[in-house]
Full PDB file with SEQRES, HELIX, SHEET, SSBOND, CRYST1, ORIGX, SCALE, CONECT and MASTER records, all heavy atoms in Angstrom:
SEQRES   1 A   43  GLU PHE LEU ALA GLN ASP ASN GLU HIS GLY GLU SER LEU          
SEQRES   2 A   43  LYS TYR CYS PHE ASP LYS ALA ALA GLN SER GLN ASN ARG          
SEQRES   3 A   43  VAL VAL HIS PHE ALA PRO GLU SER TYR GLU GLU ILE VAL          
SEQRES   4 A   43  GLY CYS LEU LEU                                              
HELIX    1 AA1 TYR A   15  SER A   23  1                                   9    
HELIX    2 AA2 PRO A   32  SER A   34  5                                   3    
HELIX    3 AA3 TYR A   35  LEU A   42  1                                   8    
CRYST1    1.000    1.000    1.000  90.00  90.00  90.00 P 1           1          
ORIGX1      1.000000  0.000000  0.000000        0.00000                         
ORIGX2      0.000000  1.000000  0.000000        0.00000                         
ORIGX3      0.000000  0.000000  1.000000        0.00000                         
SCALE1      1.000000  0.000000  0.000000        0.00000                         
SCALE2      0.000000  1.000000  0.000000        0.00000                         
SCALE3      0.000000  0.000000  1.000000        0.00000                         
ATOM      1  N   GLU A   1       0.831  -1.208   0.002  1.00  0.00           N  
ATOM      2  CA  GLU A   1      -0.001   0.003   0.000  1.00  0.00           C  
ATOM      3  C   GLU A   1       0.868   1.253  -0.007  1.00  0.00           C  
ATOM      4  O   GLU A   1       0.569   2.238  -0.705  1.00  0.00           O  
ATOM      5  CB  GLU A   1      -0.922   0.000   1.219  1.00  0.00           C  
ATOM      6  CG  GLU A   1      -1.999  -1.066   1.208  1.00  0.00           C  
ATOM      7  CD  GLU A   1      -1.473  -2.479   1.473  1.00  0.00           C  
ATOM      8  OE1 GLU A   1      -0.356  -2.606   2.056  1.00  0.00           O  
ATOM      9  OE2 GLU A   1      -2.153  -3.454   1.093  1.00  0.00           O  
ATOM     10  N   PHE A   2       1.934   1.257   0.772  1.00  0.00           N  
ATOM     11  CA  PHE A   2       2.824   2.428   0.817  1.00  0.00           C  
ATOM     12  C   PHE A   2       3.479   2.649  -0.544  1.00  0.00           C  
ATOM     13  O   PHE A   2       3.532   3.774  -1.043  1.00  0.00           O  
ATOM     14  CB  PHE A   2       3.888   2.225   1.898  1.00  0.00           C  
ATOM     15  CG  PHE A   2       4.884   3.362   1.965  1.00  0.00           C  
ATOM     16  CD1 PHE A   2       4.533   4.587   2.510  1.00  0.00           C  
ATOM     17  CD2 PHE A   2       6.173   3.199   1.466  1.00  0.00           C  
ATOM     18  CE1 PHE A   2       5.445   5.626   2.574  1.00  0.00           C  
ATOM     19  CE2 PHE A   2       7.089   4.240   1.517  1.00  0.00           C  
ATOM     20  CZ  PHE A   2       6.738   5.456   2.075  1.00  0.00           C  
ATOM     21  N   LEU A   3       3.958   1.585  -1.163  1.00  0.00           N  
ATOM     22  CA  LEU A   3       4.647   1.711  -2.446  1.00  0.00           C  
ATOM     23  C   LEU A   3       3.690   1.966  -3.605  1.00  0.00           C  
ATOM     24  O   LEU A   3       4.127   2.332  -4.690  1.00  0.00           O  
ATOM     25  CB  LEU A   3       5.491   0.455  -2.717  1.00  0.00           C  
ATOM     26  CG  LEU A   3       6.703   0.265  -1.821  1.00  0.00           C  
ATOM     27  CD1 LEU A   3       7.379  -1.065  -2.124  1.00  0.00           C  
ATOM     28  CD2 LEU A   3       7.699   1.397  -1.950  1.00  0.00           C  
ATOM     29  N   ALA A   4       2.395   1.763  -3.371  1.00  0.00           N  
ATOM     30  CA  ALA A   4       1.408   1.996  -4.429  1.00  0.00           C  
ATOM     31  C   ALA A   4       1.189   3.471  -4.690  1.00  0.00           C  
ATOM     32  O   ALA A   4       0.559   3.842  -5.697  1.00  0.00           O  
ATOM     33  CB  ALA A   4       0.092   1.322  -4.078  1.00  0.00           C  
ATOM     34  N   GLN A   5       1.699   4.332  -3.815  1.00  0.00           N  
ATOM     35  CA  GLN A   5       1.552   5.772  -4.015  1.00  0.00           C  
ATOM     36  C   GLN A   5       2.312   6.202  -5.277  1.00  0.00           C  
ATOM     37  O   GLN A   5       3.406   5.728  -5.543  1.00  0.00           O  
ATOM     38  CB  GLN A   5       2.098   6.542  -2.815  1.00  0.00           C  
ATOM     39  CG  GLN A   5       1.430   6.224  -1.505  1.00  0.00           C  
ATOM     40  CD  GLN A   5       2.118   6.901  -0.332  1.00  0.00           C  
ATOM     41  OE1 GLN A   5       1.788   8.049  -0.019  1.00  0.00           O  
ATOM     42  NE2 GLN A   5       3.055   6.218   0.304  1.00  0.00           N  
ATOM     43  N   ASP A   6       1.712   7.107  -6.026  1.00  0.00           N  
ATOM     44  CA  ASP A   6       2.398   7.674  -7.176  1.00  0.00           C  
ATOM     45  C   ASP A   6       2.104   9.170  -7.226  1.00  0.00           C  
ATOM     46  O   ASP A   6       1.445   9.727  -6.347  1.00  0.00           O  
ATOM     47  CB  ASP A   6       1.997   6.978  -8.486  1.00  0.00           C  
ATOM     48  CG  ASP A   6       0.481   7.026  -8.733  1.00  0.00           C  
ATOM     49  OD1 ASP A   6      -0.195   7.892  -8.135  1.00  0.00           O  
ATOM     50  OD2 ASP A   6      -0.021   6.216  -9.528  1.00  0.00           O  
ATOM     51  N   ASN A   7       2.626   9.838  -8.239  1.00  0.00           N  
ATOM     52  CA  ASN A   7       2.397  11.284  -8.365  1.00  0.00           C  
ATOM     53  C   ASN A   7       1.546  11.563  -9.587  1.00  0.00           C  
ATOM     54  O   ASN A   7       1.048  10.644 -10.251  1.00  0.00           O  
ATOM     55  CB  ASN A   7       3.743  12.025  -8.415  1.00  0.00           C  
ATOM     56  CG  ASN A   7       4.580  11.600  -9.608  1.00  0.00           C  
ATOM     57  OD1 ASN A   7       4.106  10.891 -10.496  1.00  0.00           O  
ATOM     58  ND2 ASN A   7       5.829  12.031  -9.641  1.00  0.00           N  
ATOM     59  N   GLU A   8       1.385  12.840  -9.918  1.00  0.00           N  
ATOM     60  CA  GLU A   8       0.514  13.206 -11.035  1.00  0.00           C  
ATOM     61  C   GLU A   8       1.048  12.724 -12.378  1.00  0.00           C  
ATOM     62  O   GLU A   8       0.305  12.663 -13.365  1.00  0.00           O  
ATOM     63  CB  GLU A   8       0.331  14.723 -11.069  1.00  0.00           C  
ATOM     64  CG  GLU A   8       1.627  15.509 -11.242  1.00  0.00           C  
ATOM     65  CD  GLU A   8       1.427  16.998 -11.167  1.00  0.00           C  
ATOM     66  OE1 GLU A   8       0.317  17.431 -10.787  1.00  0.00           O  
ATOM     67  OE2 GLU A   8       2.367  17.737 -11.497  1.00  0.00           O  
ATOM     68  N   HIS A   9       2.321  12.360 -12.420  1.00  0.00           N  
ATOM     69  CA  HIS A   9       2.910  11.836 -13.650  1.00  0.00           C  
ATOM     70  C   HIS A   9       2.853  10.312 -13.735  1.00  0.00           C  
ATOM     71  O   HIS A   9       3.326   9.723 -14.702  1.00  0.00           O  
ATOM     72  CB  HIS A   9       4.377  12.295 -13.775  1.00  0.00           C  
ATOM     73  CG  HIS A   9       4.554  13.776 -13.694  1.00  0.00           C  
ATOM     74  ND1 HIS A   9       4.045  14.641 -14.650  1.00  0.00           N  
ATOM     75  CD2 HIS A   9       5.176  14.550 -12.772  1.00  0.00           C  
ATOM     76  CE1 HIS A   9       4.365  15.885 -14.313  1.00  0.00           C  
ATOM     77  NE2 HIS A   9       5.035  15.856 -13.181  1.00  0.00           N  
ATOM     78  N   GLY A  10       2.309   9.693 -12.685  1.00  0.00           N  
ATOM     79  CA  GLY A  10       2.215   8.242 -12.677  1.00  0.00           C  
ATOM     80  C   GLY A  10       3.518   7.532 -12.354  1.00  0.00           C  
ATOM     81  O   GLY A  10       3.631   6.321 -12.595  1.00  0.00           O  
ATOM     82  N   GLU A  11       4.488   8.262 -11.815  1.00  0.00           N  
ATOM     83  CA  GLU A  11       5.769   7.645 -11.464  1.00  0.00           C  
ATOM     84  C   GLU A  11       5.606   6.824 -10.181  1.00  0.00           C  
ATOM     85  O   GLU A  11       4.934   7.253  -9.240  1.00  0.00           O  
ATOM     86  CB  GLU A  11       6.839   8.737 -11.270  1.00  0.00           C  
ATOM     87  CG  GLU A  11       7.138   9.477 -12.561  1.00  0.00           C  
ATOM     88  CD  GLU A  11       7.908  10.761 -12.323  1.00  0.00           C  
ATOM     89  OE1 GLU A  11       7.661  11.433 -11.287  1.00  0.00           O  
ATOM     90  OE2 GLU A  11       8.759  11.112 -13.162  1.00  0.00           O  
ATOM     91  N   SER A  12       6.218   5.638 -10.156  1.00  0.00           N  
ATOM     92  CA  SER A  12       5.969   4.680  -9.090  1.00  0.00           C  
ATOM     93  C   SER A  12       7.127   4.581  -8.116  1.00  0.00           C  
ATOM     94  O   SER A  12       8.292   4.596  -8.511  1.00  0.00           O  
ATOM     95  CB  SER A  12       5.725   3.291  -9.702  1.00  0.00           C  
ATOM     96  OG  SER A  12       5.672   2.286  -8.713  1.00  0.00           O  
ATOM     97  N   LEU A  13       6.780   4.453  -6.822  1.00  0.00           N  
ATOM     98  CA  LEU A  13       7.806   4.218  -5.806  1.00  0.00           C  
ATOM     99  C   LEU A  13       8.404   2.819  -5.924  1.00  0.00           C  
ATOM    100  O   LEU A  13       9.459   2.534  -5.369  1.00  0.00           O  
ATOM    101  CB  LEU A  13       7.217   4.387  -4.401  1.00  0.00           C  
ATOM    102  CG  LEU A  13       6.855   5.808  -3.953  1.00  0.00           C  
ATOM    103  CD1 LEU A  13       6.195   5.775  -2.585  1.00  0.00           C  
ATOM    104  CD2 LEU A  13       8.093   6.700  -3.922  1.00  0.00           C  
ATOM    105  N   LYS A  14       7.728   1.928  -6.665  1.00  0.00           N  
ATOM    106  CA  LYS A  14       8.233   0.572  -6.860  1.00  0.00           C  
ATOM    107  C   LYS A  14       9.195   0.459  -8.035  1.00  0.00           C  
ATOM    108  O   LYS A  14       9.584  -0.646  -8.408  1.00  0.00           O  
ATOM    109  CB  LYS A  14       7.057  -0.395  -7.098  1.00  0.00           C  
ATOM    110  CG  LYS A  14       6.238  -0.685  -5.861  1.00  0.00           C  
ATOM    111  CD  LYS A  14       5.438  -1.960  -5.978  1.00  0.00           C  
ATOM    112  CE  LYS A  14       4.421  -1.904  -7.081  1.00  0.00           C  
ATOM    113  NZ  LYS A  14       3.574  -3.109  -7.117  1.00  0.00           N  
ATOM    114  N   TYR A  15       9.578   1.585  -8.603  1.00  0.00           N  
ATOM    115  CA  TYR A  15      10.412   1.566  -9.807  1.00  0.00           C  
ATOM    116  C   TYR A  15      11.646   0.667  -9.613  1.00  0.00           C  
ATOM    117  O   TYR A  15      11.967  -0.168 -10.472  1.00  0.00           O  
ATOM    118  CB  TYR A  15      10.847   2.979 -10.172  1.00  0.00           C  
ATOM    119  CG  TYR A  15      11.743   3.048 -11.405  1.00  0.00           C  
ATOM    120  CD1 TYR A  15      11.195   3.117 -12.678  1.00  0.00           C  
ATOM    121  CD2 TYR A  15      13.125   3.021 -11.277  1.00  0.00           C  
ATOM    122  CE1 TYR A  15      12.011   3.154 -13.795  1.00  0.00           C  
ATOM    123  CE2 TYR A  15      13.943   3.055 -12.395  1.00  0.00           C  
ATOM    124  CZ  TYR A  15      13.382   3.126 -13.647  1.00  0.00           C  
ATOM    125  OH  TYR A  15      14.204   3.168 -14.761  1.00  0.00           O  
ATOM    126  N   CYS A  16      12.364   0.835  -8.510  1.00  0.00           N  
ATOM    127  CA  CYS A  16      13.601   0.077  -8.295  1.00  0.00           C  
ATOM    128  C   CYS A  16      13.332  -1.419  -8.211  1.00  0.00           C  
ATOM    129  O   CYS A  16      14.108  -2.231  -8.740  1.00  0.00           O  
ATOM    130  CB  CYS A  16      14.324   0.564  -7.039  1.00  0.00           C  
ATOM    131  SG  CYS A  16      13.342   0.537  -5.529  1.00  0.00           S  
ATOM    132  N   PHE A  17      12.222  -1.813  -7.557  1.00  0.00           N  
ATOM    133  CA  PHE A  17      11.894  -3.226  -7.468  1.00  0.00           C  
ATOM    134  C   PHE A  17      11.481  -3.784  -8.838  1.00  0.00           C  
ATOM    135  O   PHE A  17      11.827  -4.928  -9.167  1.00  0.00           O  
ATOM    136  CB  PHE A  17      10.755  -3.426  -6.467  1.00  0.00           C  
ATOM    137  CG  PHE A  17      11.127  -3.149  -5.043  1.00  0.00           C  
ATOM    138  CD1 PHE A  17      10.761  -1.952  -4.430  1.00  0.00           C  
ATOM    139  CD2 PHE A  17      11.866  -4.048  -4.316  1.00  0.00           C  
ATOM    140  CE1 PHE A  17      11.110  -1.698  -3.120  1.00  0.00           C  
ATOM    141  CE2 PHE A  17      12.219  -3.802  -2.994  1.00  0.00           C  
ATOM    142  CZ  PHE A  17      11.848  -2.612  -2.405  1.00  0.00           C  
ATOM    143  N   ASP A  18      10.770  -2.992  -9.615  1.00  0.00           N  
ATOM    144  CA  ASP A  18      10.388  -3.433 -10.952  1.00  0.00           C  
ATOM    145  C   ASP A  18      11.611  -3.635 -11.843  1.00  0.00           C  
ATOM    146  O   ASP A  18      11.693  -4.619 -12.601  1.00  0.00           O  
ATOM    147  CB  ASP A  18       9.442  -2.415 -11.597  1.00  0.00           C  
ATOM    148  CG  ASP A  18       8.087  -2.348 -10.917  1.00  0.00           C  
ATOM    149  OD1 ASP A  18       7.734  -3.316 -10.215  1.00  0.00           O  
ATOM    150  OD2 ASP A  18       7.387  -1.331 -11.059  1.00  0.00           O  
ATOM    151  N   LYS A  19      12.584  -2.730 -11.751  1.00  0.00           N  
ATOM    152  CA  LYS A  19      13.807  -2.864 -12.544  1.00  0.00           C  
ATOM    153  C   LYS A  19      14.599  -4.081 -12.102  1.00  0.00           C  
ATOM    154  O   LYS A  19      15.171  -4.796 -12.936  1.00  0.00           O  
ATOM    155  CB  LYS A  19      14.668  -1.611 -12.412  1.00  0.00           C  
ATOM    156  CG  LYS A  19      14.066  -0.347 -13.011  1.00  0.00           C  
ATOM    157  CD  LYS A  19      13.854  -0.481 -14.511  1.00  0.00           C  
ATOM    158  CE  LYS A  19      15.151  -0.483 -15.288  1.00  0.00           C  
ATOM    159  NZ  LYS A  19      14.922  -0.493 -16.750  1.00  0.00           N  
ATOM    160  N   ALA A  20      14.649  -4.337 -10.806  1.00  0.00           N  
ATOM    161  CA  ALA A  20      15.361  -5.510 -10.299  1.00  0.00           C  
ATOM    162  C   ALA A  20      14.722  -6.788 -10.820  1.00  0.00           C  
ATOM    163  O   ALA A  20      15.403  -7.730 -11.211  1.00  0.00           O  
ATOM    164  CB  ALA A  20      15.362  -5.495  -8.770  1.00  0.00           C  
ATOM    165  N   ALA A  21      13.379  -6.824 -10.842  1.00  0.00           N  
ATOM    166  CA  ALA A  21      12.675  -8.012 -11.324  1.00  0.00           C  
ATOM    167  C   ALA A  21      12.892  -8.196 -12.828  1.00  0.00           C  
ATOM    168  O   ALA A  21      13.115  -9.321 -13.300  1.00  0.00           O  
ATOM    169  CB  ALA A  21      11.190  -7.890 -11.011  1.00  0.00           C  
ATOM    170  N   GLN A  22      12.841  -7.108 -13.582  1.00  0.00           N  
ATOM    171  CA  GLN A  22      13.012  -7.198 -15.025  1.00  0.00           C  
ATOM    172  C   GLN A  22      14.396  -7.688 -15.416  1.00  0.00           C  
ATOM    173  O   GLN A  22      14.560  -8.495 -16.328  1.00  0.00           O  
ATOM    174  CB  GLN A  22      12.745  -5.824 -15.680  1.00  0.00           C  
ATOM    175  CG  GLN A  22      11.296  -5.405 -15.637  1.00  0.00           C  
ATOM    176  CD  GLN A  22      11.119  -3.930 -15.946  1.00  0.00           C  
ATOM    177  OE1 GLN A  22      12.043  -3.256 -16.426  1.00  0.00           O  
ATOM    178  NE2 GLN A  22       9.939  -3.394 -15.683  1.00  0.00           N  
ATOM    179  N   SER A  23      15.403  -7.206 -14.716  1.00  0.00           N  
ATOM    180  CA  SER A  23      16.785  -7.580 -15.043  1.00  0.00           C  
ATOM    181  C   SER A  23      17.214  -8.855 -14.325  1.00  0.00           C  
ATOM    182  O   SER A  23      18.262  -9.429 -14.666  1.00  0.00           O  
ATOM    183  CB  SER A  23      17.737  -6.443 -14.635  1.00  0.00           C  
ATOM    184  OG  SER A  23      17.766  -6.268 -13.229  1.00  0.00           O  
ATOM    185  N   GLN A  24      16.425  -9.302 -13.344  1.00  0.00           N  
ATOM    186  CA  GLN A  24      16.781 -10.436 -12.486  1.00  0.00           C  
ATOM    187  C   GLN A  24      18.115 -10.208 -11.799  1.00  0.00           C  
ATOM    188  O   GLN A  24      18.865 -11.150 -11.527  1.00  0.00           O  
ATOM    189  CB  GLN A  24      16.782 -11.747 -13.276  1.00  0.00           C  
ATOM    190  CG  GLN A  24      15.412 -12.148 -13.775  1.00  0.00           C  
ATOM    191  CD  GLN A  24      15.352 -13.573 -14.287  1.00  0.00           C  
ATOM    192  OE1 GLN A  24      16.169 -14.404 -13.962  1.00  0.00           O  
ATOM    193  NE2 GLN A  24      14.347 -13.851 -15.096  1.00  0.00           N  
ATOM    194  N   ASN A  25      18.424  -8.954 -11.496  1.00  0.00           N  
ATOM    195  CA  ASN A  25      19.585  -8.573 -10.697  1.00  0.00           C  
ATOM    196  C   ASN A  25      19.073  -7.790  -9.497  1.00  0.00           C  
ATOM    197  O   ASN A  25      18.436  -6.758  -9.656  1.00  0.00           O  
ATOM    198  CB  ASN A  25      20.560  -7.727 -11.505  1.00  0.00           C  
ATOM    199  CG  ASN A  25      21.156  -8.506 -12.670  1.00  0.00           C  
ATOM    200  OD1 ASN A  25      21.660  -9.605 -12.491  1.00  0.00           O  
ATOM    201  ND2 ASN A  25      21.105  -7.958 -13.859  1.00  0.00           N  
ATOM    202  N   ARG A  26      19.363  -8.290  -8.299  1.00  0.00           N  
ATOM    203  CA  ARG A  26      18.683  -7.775  -7.096  1.00  0.00           C  
ATOM    204  C   ARG A  26      19.587  -6.958  -6.179  1.00  0.00           C  
ATOM    205  O   ARG A  26      19.142  -6.560  -5.099  1.00  0.00           O  
ATOM    206  CB  ARG A  26      18.121  -8.960  -6.293  1.00  0.00           C  
ATOM    207  CG  ARG A  26      17.377 -10.002  -7.122  1.00  0.00           C  
ATOM    208  CD  ARG A  26      16.023  -9.579  -7.543  1.00  0.00           C  
ATOM    209  NE  ARG A  26      15.359 -10.601  -8.358  1.00  0.00           N  
ATOM    210  CZ  ARG A  26      14.051 -10.692  -8.541  1.00  0.00           C  
ATOM    211  NH1 ARG A  26      13.258  -9.802  -7.974  1.00  0.00           N  
ATOM    212  NH2 ARG A  26      13.550 -11.616  -9.313  1.00  0.00           N  
ATOM    213  N   VAL A  27      20.823  -6.709  -6.571  1.00  0.00           N  
ATOM    214  CA  VAL A  27      21.742  -5.951  -5.721  1.00  0.00           C  
ATOM    215  C   VAL A  27      22.223  -4.711  -6.471  1.00  0.00           C  
ATOM    216  O   VAL A  27      22.544  -4.776  -7.662  1.00  0.00           O  
ATOM    217  CB  VAL A  27      22.945  -6.824  -5.294  1.00  0.00           C  
ATOM    218  CG1 VAL A  27      23.965  -6.001  -4.506  1.00  0.00           C  
ATOM    219  CG2 VAL A  27      22.478  -8.011  -4.466  1.00  0.00           C  
ATOM    220  N   VAL A  28      22.244  -3.597  -5.750  1.00  0.00           N  
ATOM    221  CA  VAL A  28      22.642  -2.312  -6.328  1.00  0.00           C  
ATOM    222  C   VAL A  28      23.826  -1.760  -5.534  1.00  0.00           C  
ATOM    223  O   VAL A  28      23.851  -1.816  -4.306  1.00  0.00           O  
ATOM    224  CB  VAL A  28      21.473  -1.296  -6.264  1.00  0.00           C  
ATOM    225  CG1 VAL A  28      21.918   0.065  -6.770  1.00  0.00           C  
ATOM    226  CG2 VAL A  28      20.294  -1.804  -7.075  1.00  0.00           C  
ATOM    227  N   HIS A  29      24.814  -1.229  -6.273  1.00  0.00           N  
ATOM    228  CA  HIS A  29      25.952  -0.546  -5.637  1.00  0.00           C  
ATOM    229  C   HIS A  29      26.158   0.775  -6.370  1.00  0.00           C  
ATOM    230  O   HIS A  29      26.623   0.803  -7.512  1.00  0.00           O  
ATOM    231  CB  HIS A  29      27.218  -1.412  -5.717  1.00  0.00           C  
ATOM    232  CG  HIS A  29      28.320  -0.922  -4.831  1.00  0.00           C  
ATOM    233  ND1 HIS A  29      28.583  -1.477  -3.604  1.00  0.00           N  
ATOM    234  CD2 HIS A  29      29.202   0.092  -4.960  1.00  0.00           C  
ATOM    235  CE1 HIS A  29      29.590  -0.855  -3.030  1.00  0.00           C  
ATOM    236  NE2 HIS A  29      29.986   0.116  -3.842  1.00  0.00           N  
ATOM    237  N   PHE A  30      25.784   1.878  -5.710  1.00  0.00           N  
ATOM    238  CA  PHE A  30      25.807   3.187  -6.349  1.00  0.00           C  
ATOM    239  C   PHE A  30      27.219   3.776  -6.378  1.00  0.00           C  
ATOM    240  O   PHE A  30      28.126   3.325  -5.664  1.00  0.00           O  
ATOM    241  CB  PHE A  30      24.874   4.147  -5.602  1.00  0.00           C  
ATOM    242  CG  PHE A  30      23.425   3.777  -5.679  1.00  0.00           C  
ATOM    243  CD1 PHE A  30      22.696   3.491  -4.523  1.00  0.00           C  
ATOM    244  CD2 PHE A  30      22.767   3.713  -6.882  1.00  0.00           C  
ATOM    245  CE1 PHE A  30      21.356   3.162  -4.570  1.00  0.00           C  
ATOM    246  CE2 PHE A  30      21.411   3.385  -6.969  1.00  0.00           C  
ATOM    247  CZ  PHE A  30      20.708   3.109  -5.804  1.00  0.00           C  
ATOM    248  N   ALA A  31      27.380   4.821  -7.178  1.00  0.00           N  
ATOM    249  CA  ALA A  31      28.617   5.594  -7.194  1.00  0.00           C  
ATOM    250  C   ALA A  31      28.817   6.240  -5.817  1.00  0.00           C  
ATOM    251  O   ALA A  31      27.835   6.597  -5.142  1.00  0.00           O  
ATOM    252  CB  ALA A  31      28.557   6.661  -8.281  1.00  0.00           C  
ATOM    253  N   PRO A  32      30.079   6.425  -5.383  1.00  0.00           N  
ATOM    254  CA  PRO A  32      30.350   6.925  -4.027  1.00  0.00           C  
ATOM    255  C   PRO A  32      29.624   8.227  -3.680  1.00  0.00           C  
ATOM    256  O   PRO A  32      29.158   8.411  -2.543  1.00  0.00           O  
ATOM    257  CB  PRO A  32      31.857   7.120  -4.019  1.00  0.00           C  
ATOM    258  CG  PRO A  32      32.360   6.138  -5.025  1.00  0.00           C  
ATOM    259  CD  PRO A  32      31.307   6.097  -6.111  1.00  0.00           C  
ATOM    260  N   GLU A  33      29.489   9.147  -4.645  1.00  0.00           N  
ATOM    261  CA  GLU A  33      28.887  10.427  -4.344  1.00  0.00           C  
ATOM    262  C   GLU A  33      27.402  10.338  -4.036  1.00  0.00           C  
ATOM    263  O   GLU A  33      26.813  11.301  -3.537  1.00  0.00           O  
ATOM    264  CB  GLU A  33      29.121  11.409  -5.514  1.00  0.00           C  
ATOM    265  CG  GLU A  33      28.560  10.952  -6.850  1.00  0.00           C  
ATOM    266  CD  GLU A  33      29.534  10.143  -7.682  1.00  0.00           C  
ATOM    267  OE1 GLU A  33      30.536   9.630  -7.114  1.00  0.00           O  
ATOM    268  OE2 GLU A  33      29.321  10.035  -8.905  1.00  0.00           O  
ATOM    269  N   SER A  34      26.787   9.201  -4.313  1.00  0.00           N  
ATOM    270  CA  SER A  34      25.339   9.049  -4.056  1.00  0.00           C  
ATOM    271  C   SER A  34      25.026   8.751  -2.605  1.00  0.00           C  
ATOM    272  O   SER A  34      23.909   8.986  -2.138  1.00  0.00           O  
ATOM    273  CB  SER A  34      24.758   7.927  -4.930  1.00  0.00           C  
ATOM    274  OG  SER A  34      24.996   8.159  -6.303  1.00  0.00           O  
ATOM    275  N   TYR A  35      25.994   8.235  -1.880  1.00  0.00           N  
ATOM    276  CA  TYR A  35      25.720   7.688  -0.568  1.00  0.00           C  
ATOM    277  C   TYR A  35      25.449   8.739   0.507  1.00  0.00           C  
ATOM    278  O   TYR A  35      24.749   8.487   1.467  1.00  0.00           O  
ATOM    279  CB  TYR A  35      26.825   6.729  -0.130  1.00  0.00           C  
ATOM    280  CG  TYR A  35      26.723   5.402  -0.834  1.00  0.00           C  
ATOM    281  CD1 TYR A  35      27.275   5.209  -2.092  1.00  0.00           C  
ATOM    282  CD2 TYR A  35      26.002   4.350  -0.285  1.00  0.00           C  
ATOM    283  CE1 TYR A  35      27.155   4.014  -2.773  1.00  0.00           C  
ATOM    284  CE2 TYR A  35      25.872   3.146  -0.939  1.00  0.00           C  
ATOM    285  CZ  TYR A  35      26.446   2.979  -2.183  1.00  0.00           C  
ATOM    286  OH  TYR A  35      26.293   1.788  -2.849  1.00  0.00           O  
ATOM    287  N   GLU A  36      25.994   9.921   0.345  1.00  0.00           N  
ATOM    288  CA  GLU A  36      25.826  10.940   1.383  1.00  0.00           C  
ATOM    289  C   GLU A  36      24.348  11.243   1.591  1.00  0.00           C  
ATOM    290  O   GLU A  36      23.855  11.254   2.732  1.00  0.00           O  
ATOM    291  CB  GLU A  36      26.574  12.219   1.022  1.00  0.00           C  
ATOM    292  CG  GLU A  36      26.461  13.285   2.099  1.00  0.00           C  
ATOM    293  CD  GLU A  36      27.302  14.522   1.820  1.00  0.00           C  
ATOM    294  OE1 GLU A  36      28.049  14.522   0.816  1.00  0.00           O  
ATOM    295  OE2 GLU A  36      27.201  15.486   2.582  1.00  0.00           O  
ATOM    296  N   GLU A  37      23.601  11.468   0.509  1.00  0.00           N  
ATOM    297  CA  GLU A  37      22.187  11.799   0.690  1.00  0.00           C  
ATOM    298  C   GLU A  37      21.340  10.575   0.993  1.00  0.00           C  
ATOM    299  O   GLU A  37      20.410  10.644   1.801  1.00  0.00           O  
ATOM    300  CB  GLU A  37      21.640  12.547  -0.536  1.00  0.00           C  
ATOM    301  CG  GLU A  37      21.650  11.786  -1.833  1.00  0.00           C  
ATOM    302  CD  GLU A  37      20.987  12.574  -2.954  1.00  0.00           C  
ATOM    303  OE1 GLU A  37      20.580  13.718  -2.711  1.00  0.00           O  
ATOM    304  OE2 GLU A  37      20.867  12.034  -4.089  1.00  0.00           O  
ATOM    305  N   ILE A  38      21.651   9.424   0.366  1.00  0.00           N  
ATOM    306  CA  ILE A  38      20.832   8.225   0.597  1.00  0.00           C  
ATOM    307  C   ILE A  38      21.010   7.718   2.023  1.00  0.00           C  
ATOM    308  O   ILE A  38      20.050   7.473   2.758  1.00  0.00           O  
ATOM    309  CB  ILE A  38      21.182   7.118  -0.420  1.00  0.00           C  
ATOM    310  CG1 ILE A  38      20.784   7.550  -1.831  1.00  0.00           C  
ATOM    311  CG2 ILE A  38      20.468   5.814  -0.055  1.00  0.00           C  
ATOM    312  CD1 ILE A  38      21.196   6.548  -2.899  1.00  0.00           C  
ATOM    313  N   VAL A  39      22.273   7.545   2.444  1.00  0.00           N  
ATOM    314  CA  VAL A  39      22.526   7.030   3.793  1.00  0.00           C  
ATOM    315  C   VAL A  39      22.178   8.085   4.832  1.00  0.00           C  
ATOM    316  O   VAL A  39      21.705   7.756   5.919  1.00  0.00           O  
ATOM    317  CB  VAL A  39      23.982   6.572   3.914  1.00  0.00           C  
ATOM    318  CG1 VAL A  39      24.286   6.124   5.348  1.00  0.00           C  
ATOM    319  CG2 VAL A  39      24.269   5.422   2.945  1.00  0.00           C  
ATOM    320  N   GLY A  40      22.369   9.357   4.498  1.00  0.00           N  
ATOM    321  CA  GLY A  40      21.952  10.421   5.420  1.00  0.00           C  
ATOM    322  C   GLY A  40      20.465  10.338   5.702  1.00  0.00           C  
ATOM    323  O   GLY A  40      20.016  10.493   6.855  1.00  0.00           O  
ATOM    324  N   CYS A  41      19.673  10.076   4.677  1.00  0.00           N  
ATOM    325  CA  CYS A  41      18.234   9.924   4.855  1.00  0.00           C  
ATOM    326  C   CYS A  41      17.924   8.660   5.659  1.00  0.00           C  
ATOM    327  O   CYS A  41      17.031   8.660   6.532  1.00  0.00           O  
ATOM    328  CB  CYS A  41      17.545   9.857   3.480  1.00  0.00           C  
ATOM    329  SG  CYS A  41      15.754   9.874   3.560  1.00  0.00           S  
ATOM    330  N   LEU A  42      18.667   7.598   5.423  1.00  0.00           N  
ATOM    331  CA  LEU A  42      18.491   6.354   6.174  1.00  0.00           C  
ATOM    332  C   LEU A  42      18.728   6.582   7.661  1.00  0.00           C  
ATOM    333  O   LEU A  42      17.946   6.112   8.520  1.00  0.00           O  
ATOM    334  CB  LEU A  42      19.481   5.319   5.643  1.00  0.00           C  
ATOM    335  CG  LEU A  42      19.338   3.872   6.113  1.00  0.00           C  
ATOM    336  CD1 LEU A  42      18.047   3.283   5.589  1.00  0.00           C  
ATOM    337  CD2 LEU A  42      20.525   3.061   5.623  1.00  0.00           C  
ATOM    338  N   LEU A  43      19.754   7.346   8.008  1.00  0.00           N  
ATOM    339  CA  LEU A  43      20.052   7.645   9.413  1.00  0.00           C  
ATOM    340  C   LEU A  43      18.970   8.522  10.042  1.00  0.00           C  
ATOM    341  O   LEU A  43      18.632   8.370  11.229  1.00  0.00           O  
ATOM    342  CB  LEU A  43      21.419   8.322   9.526  1.00  0.00           C  
ATOM    343  CG  LEU A  43      22.625   7.473   9.111  1.00  0.00           C  
ATOM    344  CD1 LEU A  43      23.896   8.293   9.186  1.00  0.00           C  
ATOM    345  CD2 LEU A  43      22.743   6.232   9.974  1.00  0.00           C  
TER     346      LEU A  43                                                      
MASTER        0    0    0    3    0    0    0    6  345    1    0    4          
END                                                                             
C-alpha cells in the first residue's frame, strides 16, 4: 500500500523493485557520491 503511491505523472515508488525483477539482478551498488544523501536519509 505504501509503495502503491504515485504522483501526477504516474511515477511509481516501486520503480527500483520493478527494474530488479526485469533484469533479475537484485543488488545495487551506487557511485560513491550518491551515498551521502541516501545514507543520510536512512540515518
